[in-house]
Protein backbone atom coordinates (compact mmCIF):
# COMPACT_ATOMS: atom_id res chain seq x y z
CA UNK A 1 -10.65 -0.47 4.60
CA UNK A 2 -10.56 -3.83 2.91
CA UNK A 3 -10.34 -7.17 4.65
CA UNK A 4 -8.75 -10.11 2.85
CA UNK A 5 -10.64 -13.38 3.19
CA UNK A 6 -8.79 -16.66 3.70
CA UNK A 7 -9.15 -17.77 0.10
CA UNK A 8 -7.53 -14.54 -1.14
CA UNK A 9 -4.72 -14.97 1.39
CA UNK A 10 -4.23 -18.52 0.12
CA UNK A 11 -3.85 -17.23 -3.43
CA UNK A 12 -1.42 -14.56 -2.21
CA UNK A 13 0.79 -17.00 -0.29
CA UNK A 14 0.71 -19.41 -3.23
CA UNK A 15 2.34 -16.63 -5.27
CA UNK A 16 -0.64 -15.63 -7.41
CA UNK A 17 0.60 -12.64 -9.45
CA UNK A 18 -2.88 -11.15 -10.00
CA UNK A 19 -3.71 -11.10 -6.29
CA UNK A 20 -0.25 -9.76 -5.46
CA UNK A 21 -0.77 -6.91 -7.96
CA UNK A 22 -4.24 -6.12 -6.60
CA UNK A 23 -2.86 -5.88 -3.07
CA UNK A 24 -0.06 -3.58 -4.24
CA UNK A 25 -2.55 -1.43 -6.21
CA UNK A 26 -4.78 -1.17 -3.15
CA UNK A 27 -1.89 -0.11 -0.93
CA UNK A 28 -0.82 2.45 -3.56
CA UNK A 29 -4.28 4.05 -3.50
CA UNK A 30 -3.93 4.60 0.23
CA UNK A 31 -6.66 2.16 1.17
CA UNK A 32 -5.83 0.11 4.24
CA UNK A 33 -5.68 -3.68 4.20
CA UNK A 34 -6.66 -5.70 7.26
CA UNK A 35 -7.44 -9.22 8.39
CA UNK A 36 -9.90 -10.71 10.84
CA UNK A 37 -8.85 -12.96 13.70
CA UNK A 38 -10.84 -15.78 12.05
CA UNK A 39 -8.85 -15.45 8.83
CA UNK A 40 -5.59 -15.60 10.76
CA UNK A 41 -6.82 -18.78 12.44
CA UNK A 42 -7.89 -20.36 9.13
CA UNK A 43 -4.58 -19.59 7.40
CA UNK A 44 -2.34 -20.63 10.29
CA UNK A 45 -4.15 -23.92 10.85
CA UNK A 46 -3.63 -24.78 7.17
CA UNK A 47 0.07 -23.94 7.24
CA UNK A 48 0.57 -25.91 10.45
CA UNK A 49 -1.40 -28.90 9.18
CA UNK A 50 0.76 -28.96 6.03
CA UNK A 51 3.87 -28.27 8.11
CA UNK A 52 4.67 -25.28 5.87
CA UNK A 53 7.26 -23.58 8.07
CA UNK A 54 8.35 -21.21 5.27
CA UNK A 55 4.80 -19.97 4.64
CA UNK A 56 4.20 -19.73 8.38
CA UNK A 57 7.25 -17.47 8.67
CA UNK A 58 6.12 -15.35 5.70
CA UNK A 59 2.67 -15.05 7.23
CA UNK A 60 4.17 -13.93 10.56
CA UNK A 61 6.03 -11.14 8.73
CA UNK A 62 2.81 -10.21 6.91
CA UNK A 63 1.04 -9.93 10.27
CA UNK A 64 3.65 -7.43 11.45
CA UNK A 65 2.40 -4.90 8.89
CA UNK A 66 -1.29 -5.78 8.49
CA UNK A 67 -3.69 -5.12 11.39
CA UNK A 68 -5.81 -7.98 12.67
CA UNK A 69 -9.26 -7.11 13.98
CA UNK A 70 -10.42 -9.24 16.93
CA UNK A 71 -13.63 -10.91 17.92
CA UNK A 72 -14.84 -8.63 20.68
CA UNK A 73 -18.20 -8.21 22.41
CA UNK A 74 -19.63 -5.94 19.70
CA UNK A 75 -18.64 -8.46 17.01
CA UNK A 76 -20.19 -11.32 18.96
CA UNK A 77 -23.42 -9.36 19.39
CA UNK A 78 -23.57 -8.55 15.67
CA UNK A 79 -22.64 -12.11 14.68
CA UNK A 80 -25.42 -13.58 16.80
CA UNK A 81 -27.90 -11.15 15.21
CA UNK A 82 -26.70 -12.22 11.74
CA UNK A 83 -26.98 -15.89 12.70
CA UNK A 84 -30.52 -15.46 14.07
CA UNK A 85 -31.68 -13.52 10.98
CA UNK A 86 -30.24 -16.13 8.63
CA UNK A 87 -31.71 -19.08 10.55
CA UNK A 88 -35.14 -17.42 10.70
CA UNK A 89 -34.98 -17.31 6.91
CA UNK A 90 -33.92 -20.95 6.63
CA UNK A 91 -30.32 -20.11 5.71
CA UNK A 92 -27.33 -21.80 7.29
CA UNK A 93 -23.83 -20.38 7.04
CA UNK A 94 -20.66 -21.39 8.85
CA UNK A 95 -19.86 -19.69 12.12
CA UNK A 96 -16.46 -18.67 10.70
CA UNK A 97 -18.08 -16.83 7.78
CA UNK A 98 -20.58 -15.12 10.09
CA UNK A 99 -17.80 -13.98 12.44
CA UNK A 100 -15.69 -12.73 9.51
CA UNK A 101 -18.67 -10.80 8.13
CA UNK A 102 -19.46 -9.36 11.57
CA UNK A 103 -15.90 -8.09 12.01
CA UNK A 104 -15.93 -6.51 8.54
CA UNK A 105 -19.35 -4.90 9.04
CA UNK A 106 -18.47 -3.73 12.56
CA UNK A 107 -15.43 -1.92 11.13
CA UNK A 108 -17.17 -0.46 8.06
CA UNK A 109 -15.00 -2.51 5.75
CA UNK A 110 -15.28 -4.37 2.48
CA UNK A 111 -14.45 -8.05 2.22
CA UNK A 112 -12.30 -9.30 -0.65
CA UNK A 113 -13.29 -12.92 -1.27
CA UNK A 114 -13.79 -15.46 -4.00
CA UNK A 115 -16.48 -17.12 -1.85
CA UNK A 116 -19.28 -14.75 -2.76
CA UNK A 117 -21.93 -17.41 -2.17
CA UNK A 118 -20.81 -17.77 1.46
CA UNK A 119 -21.52 -14.10 2.15
CA UNK A 120 -24.23 -12.97 -0.27
CA UNK A 121 -27.10 -13.60 2.15
CA UNK A 122 -25.61 -11.41 4.87
CA UNK A 123 -27.07 -7.90 4.73
CA UNK A 124 -25.03 -4.70 5.15
CA UNK A 125 -22.00 -6.50 3.84
CA UNK A 126 -20.00 -5.53 0.78
CA UNK A 127 -18.08 -8.40 -0.84
CA UNK A 128 -15.76 -7.92 -3.80
CA UNK A 129 -14.29 -10.74 -5.87
CA UNK A 130 -10.74 -10.21 -7.16
CA UNK A 131 -10.63 -13.58 -8.91
């Protein structure tokens, strides 16, 4: 299963043909596409801040067909372990990125993101850049 990060979703909803094609190719291979609750939050807050009602409506339709994985107790436990390991090694990363990574890892997924540097220090985490 692949999880689309917020930056990839932004490209998609901006009409990026390459990202659109990659998503279609992925669906055609039978691989499932999913989102994390954090990514939904990040995308919706941007659309609402910009008052992009059309994109908000498109995103709502997208959410009808793409599963969203929540932040549950097992994700919180994993995320706090990731945070502690990073901090012990002098690395700081945003809570949003840690929670996204924890959801992806907890569900044996791969993250599609252009923000490789945000995730590269998190172990057991496969990140692929489509850009």
